[in-house]
Amino acid sequence: MQSTTKPYAESCDQNRAPILAVIAPLYAGRRRLLEIGSGTGQHGVHFAAALPELCWQCSDRADELPGMRQWIGEAALPNLPEPIALDVLRDPWPTPGFDAAFSANTAHIMPVEAVAAMFRGLGEVLAPGGVFALYGPFHEDGRPTSESNAAFDAWLRARDPAMGVRDRTWLLGLAEDNGLEALAEHAMPANNRILVWRRG
């Protein structure tokens, strides 16, 4: 049986500390979290270790799971279960009842219809009062917030026209349409932000 090379994303090591500083108080007292687009699983391992009372459920498309399982298996954390397959456009969503959700660096690589599907799904699986934190770069009123974000957006669209840095106002509208009210915003290093919503 062919082994899977353990994946590694340098960006996860670079941004995990500032992200944790924001989400640790946000998720205090929460019990069950769904991470959308967990990628390598590095964030899940780091955050689950730091937040032992929170069950951190990783998810991603099925082809990402073998590599992710290596990180999760090596960590062997009691609050980090087996990852689940979740293509937000195609797969059935897990059973509702999560009181928290998280996603990092996903909105700009998803096509717009997948971003919309993510918010629709979260509107269904988050319990009332549940919170969702979305990390990444965002445009403001259709304009990049920095030269680096403008260059990143151009690079993404050159790779795939369906990709691109998403506009904060558009995301707020999607969230509102799905019962999620804006709760907070946090400026992050490298011209990123964390946008936070709560399900009403």
Protein backbone atom coordinates (compact mmCIF):
# COMPACT_ATOMS: atom_id res chain seq x y z
CA MET A 1 0.00 0.00 0.00
CA GLN A 2 1.44 3.35 -1.01
CA SER A 3 2.22 5.63 1.92
CA THR A 4 1.14 9.26 1.99
CA THR A 5 3.81 11.91 2.41
CA LYS A 6 3.13 13.93 5.53
CA PRO A 7 2.09 17.40 4.31
CA TYR A 8 3.47 20.62 5.76
CA ALA A 9 2.32 24.22 5.42
CA GLU A 10 4.84 26.81 6.64
CA SER A 11 2.09 29.41 6.93
CA CYS A 12 0.41 27.37 9.67
CA ASP A 13 3.51 27.60 11.83
CA GLN A 14 3.80 31.31 11.09
CA ASN A 15 0.25 32.33 11.94
CA ARG A 16 -0.83 29.86 14.60
CA ALA A 17 0.33 31.92 17.61
CA PRO A 18 -1.46 35.17 16.68
CA ILE A 19 -4.58 33.23 15.68
CA LEU A 20 -4.61 31.33 18.97
CA ALA A 21 -4.34 34.60 20.90
CA VAL A 22 -7.64 35.68 19.32
CA ILE A 23 -9.58 32.42 19.34
CA ALA A 24 -8.66 31.19 22.83
CA PRO A 25 -10.90 33.73 24.60
CA LEU A 26 -13.49 33.53 21.81
CA TYR A 27 -13.90 29.77 22.27
CA ALA A 28 -13.68 29.75 26.08
CA GLY A 29 -16.45 27.57 27.42
CA ARG A 30 -17.21 26.07 24.00
CA ARG A 31 -17.32 22.30 23.66
CA ARG A 32 -17.59 21.26 20.00
CA LEU A 33 -15.97 23.00 17.04
CA LEU A 34 -16.05 22.31 13.30
CA GLU A 35 -13.02 23.43 11.29
CA ILE A 36 -13.74 23.85 7.58
CA GLY A 37 -10.86 23.32 5.18
CA SER A 38 -8.38 21.93 7.70
CA GLY A 39 -5.74 21.26 5.02
CA THR A 40 -2.72 19.58 6.56
CA GLY A 41 -4.32 19.44 10.01
CA GLN A 42 -1.53 21.47 11.60
CA HIS A 43 -3.88 24.14 12.91
CA GLY A 44 -6.18 21.51 14.37
CA VAL A 45 -3.32 19.80 16.20
CA HIS A 46 -1.95 23.06 17.61
CA PHE A 47 -5.28 24.54 18.65
CA ALA A 48 -6.68 21.30 20.08
CA ALA A 49 -3.56 20.92 22.23
CA ALA A 50 -3.94 24.47 23.50
CA LEU A 51 -7.71 24.19 24.08
CA PRO A 52 -8.12 20.75 25.69
CA GLU A 53 -11.77 21.24 26.73
CA LEU A 54 -12.82 21.89 23.12
CA CYS A 55 -13.44 18.97 20.75
CA TRP A 56 -11.83 20.16 17.50
CA GLN A 57 -13.39 18.42 14.48
CA CYS A 58 -11.22 18.80 11.38
CA SER A 59 -12.74 18.49 7.92
CA ASP A 60 -11.76 18.90 4.28
CA ARG A 61 -12.25 17.33 0.89
CA ALA A 62 -11.64 13.59 0.88
CA ASP A 63 -8.31 13.82 -0.97
CA GLU A 64 -6.86 15.95 1.85
CA LEU A 65 -7.67 13.47 4.62
CA PRO A 66 -4.80 10.94 4.29
CA GLY A 67 -2.13 13.55 4.98
CA MET A 68 -4.20 15.17 7.70
CA ARG A 69 -4.60 11.84 9.45
CA GLN A 70 -0.82 11.63 9.87
CA TRP A 71 -0.74 14.87 11.90
CA ILE A 72 -3.81 13.91 13.91
CA GLY A 73 -2.62 10.34 14.50
CA GLU A 74 0.80 11.44 15.72
CA ALA A 75 -0.73 14.03 18.04
CA ALA A 76 -3.06 11.41 19.62
CA LEU A 77 -5.11 14.07 21.39
CA PRO A 78 -8.36 12.97 23.05
CA ASN A 79 -10.17 16.11 21.79
CA LEU A 80 -9.01 15.72 18.17
CA PRO A 81 -11.15 13.02 16.52
CA GLU A 82 -10.82 11.40 13.10
CA PRO A 83 -11.24 14.06 10.37
CA ILE A 84 -14.36 14.01 8.26
CA ALA A 85 -14.82 14.52 4.52
CA LEU A 86 -16.59 17.80 3.81
CA ASP A 87 -16.68 19.32 0.36
CA VAL A 88 -19.03 22.20 1.14
CA LEU A 89 -20.62 21.99 -2.32
CA ARG A 90 -21.09 18.22 -2.52
CA ASP A 91 -20.87 16.36 0.77
CA PRO A 92 -23.58 16.14 3.43
CA TRP A 93 -22.81 18.35 6.41
CA PRO A 94 -22.34 16.79 9.86
CA THR A 95 -25.10 16.66 12.44
CA PRO A 96 -25.96 20.12 13.83
CA GLY A 97 -24.99 21.08 17.35
CA PHE A 98 -21.56 22.66 17.04
CA ASP A 99 -21.15 25.71 19.28
CA ALA A 100 -18.07 26.95 17.41
CA ALA A 101 -16.56 26.94 13.92
CA PHE A 102 -13.25 28.01 12.41
CA SER A 103 -11.74 28.35 8.95
CA ALA A 104 -8.40 29.76 7.84
CA ASN A 105 -7.20 30.79 4.40
CA THR A 106 -10.13 29.14 2.64
CA ALA A 107 -12.42 31.87 1.29
CA HIS A 108 -9.89 33.10 -1.26
CA ILE A 109 -9.21 29.65 -2.73
CA MET A 110 -12.87 28.57 -2.84
CA PRO A 111 -15.04 29.66 -5.78
CA VAL A 112 -17.70 32.14 -4.74
CA GLU A 113 -20.42 29.47 -4.82
CA ALA A 114 -18.42 27.38 -2.33
CA VAL A 115 -17.98 30.37 -0.01
CA ALA A 116 -21.75 30.88 -0.14
CA ALA A 117 -22.27 27.17 0.56
CA MET A 118 -19.95 27.37 3.57
CA PHE A 119 -22.08 30.09 5.14
CA ARG A 120 -25.30 28.22 4.35
CA GLY A 121 -23.95 25.10 6.00
CA LEU A 122 -22.75 26.98 9.05
CA GLY A 123 -26.17 28.55 9.38
CA GLU A 124 -27.51 25.02 9.76
CA VAL A 125 -24.91 23.22 11.90
CA LEU A 126 -24.07 26.00 14.38
CA ALA A 127 -26.22 25.99 17.48
CA PRO A 128 -27.86 29.27 18.53
CA GLY A 129 -25.16 31.42 20.05
CA GLY A 130 -22.43 29.47 18.22
CA VAL A 131 -19.50 31.51 16.94
CA PHE A 132 -17.57 31.33 13.66
CA ALA A 133 -14.10 32.81 13.11
CA LEU A 134 -12.76 33.22 9.56
CA TYR A 135 -9.07 34.06 9.08
CA GLY A 136 -7.48 35.42 5.92
CA PRO A 137 -6.99 38.47 3.71
CA PHE A 138 -10.07 40.48 2.78
CA HIS A 139 -10.86 43.39 0.49
CA GLU A 140 -12.77 46.40 1.82
CA ASP A 141 -15.59 47.80 -0.34
CA GLY A 142 -14.09 46.16 -3.41
CA ARG A 143 -10.59 47.50 -2.84
CA PRO A 144 -7.45 45.76 -1.52
CA THR A 145 -6.41 46.88 1.94
CA SER A 146 -2.69 46.70 1.08
CA GLU A 147 -0.32 46.35 -1.86
CA SER A 148 0.56 42.83 -0.75
CA ASN A 149 -3.10 41.80 -0.74
CA ALA A 150 -3.57 43.31 -4.20
CA ALA A 151 -0.59 41.33 -5.49
CA PHE A 152 -1.84 38.17 -3.79
CA ASP A 153 -5.28 38.60 -5.35
CA ALA A 154 -3.73 39.02 -8.82
CA TRP A 155 -1.58 35.92 -8.29
CA LEU A 156 -4.58 33.86 -7.22
CA ARG A 157 -6.70 34.92 -10.20
CA ALA A 158 -3.85 34.18 -12.59
CA ARG A 159 -3.71 30.64 -11.20
CA ASP A 160 -7.48 30.16 -11.31
CA PRO A 161 -10.08 32.81 -12.20
CA ALA A 162 -12.42 31.25 -9.62
CA MET A 163 -10.01 32.20 -6.81
CA GLY A 164 -9.54 35.64 -5.34
CA VAL A 165 -9.48 37.67 -2.14
CA ARG A 166 -13.09 38.12 -1.02
CA ASP A 167 -14.75 41.36 -0.04
CA ARG A 168 -15.61 41.85 3.62
CA THR A 169 -18.96 43.50 2.85
CA TRP A 170 -20.00 40.59 0.64
CA LEU A 171 -19.09 38.12 3.38
CA LEU A 172 -21.08 40.10 5.95
CA GLY A 173 -24.09 39.93 3.65
CA LEU A 174 -23.72 36.18 3.18
CA ALA A 175 -23.49 35.71 6.91
CA GLU A 176 -26.55 37.84 7.62
CA ASP A 177 -28.57 35.92 5.02
CA ASN A 178 -27.79 32.72 6.94
CA GLY A 179 -28.58 33.93 10.44
CA LEU A 180 -25.05 34.93 11.48
CA GLU A 181 -24.55 38.35 13.02
CA ALA A 182 -21.22 40.17 12.95
CA LEU A 183 -19.57 39.98 16.36
CA ALA A 184 -15.98 41.24 16.05
CA GLU A 185 -13.01 41.87 13.77
CA HIS A 186 -9.35 41.51 14.62
CA ALA A 187 -6.39 42.90 12.68
CA MET A 188 -3.71 40.25 12.22
CA PRO A 189 -0.09 40.22 10.98
CA ALA A 190 0.68 40.31 7.24
CA ASN A 191 -2.48 42.32 6.43
CA ASN A 192 -4.82 39.51 7.42
CA ARG A 193 -7.88 39.69 9.64
CA ILE A 194 -10.14 37.46 11.67
CA LEU A 195 -13.84 38.09 11.11
CA VAL A 196 -16.14 36.73 13.82
CA TRP A 197 -19.86 35.98 13.66
CA ARG A 198 -22.41 34.58 16.07
CA ARG A 199 -25.50 32.61 15.15
CA GLY A 200 -28.61 34.41 16.40
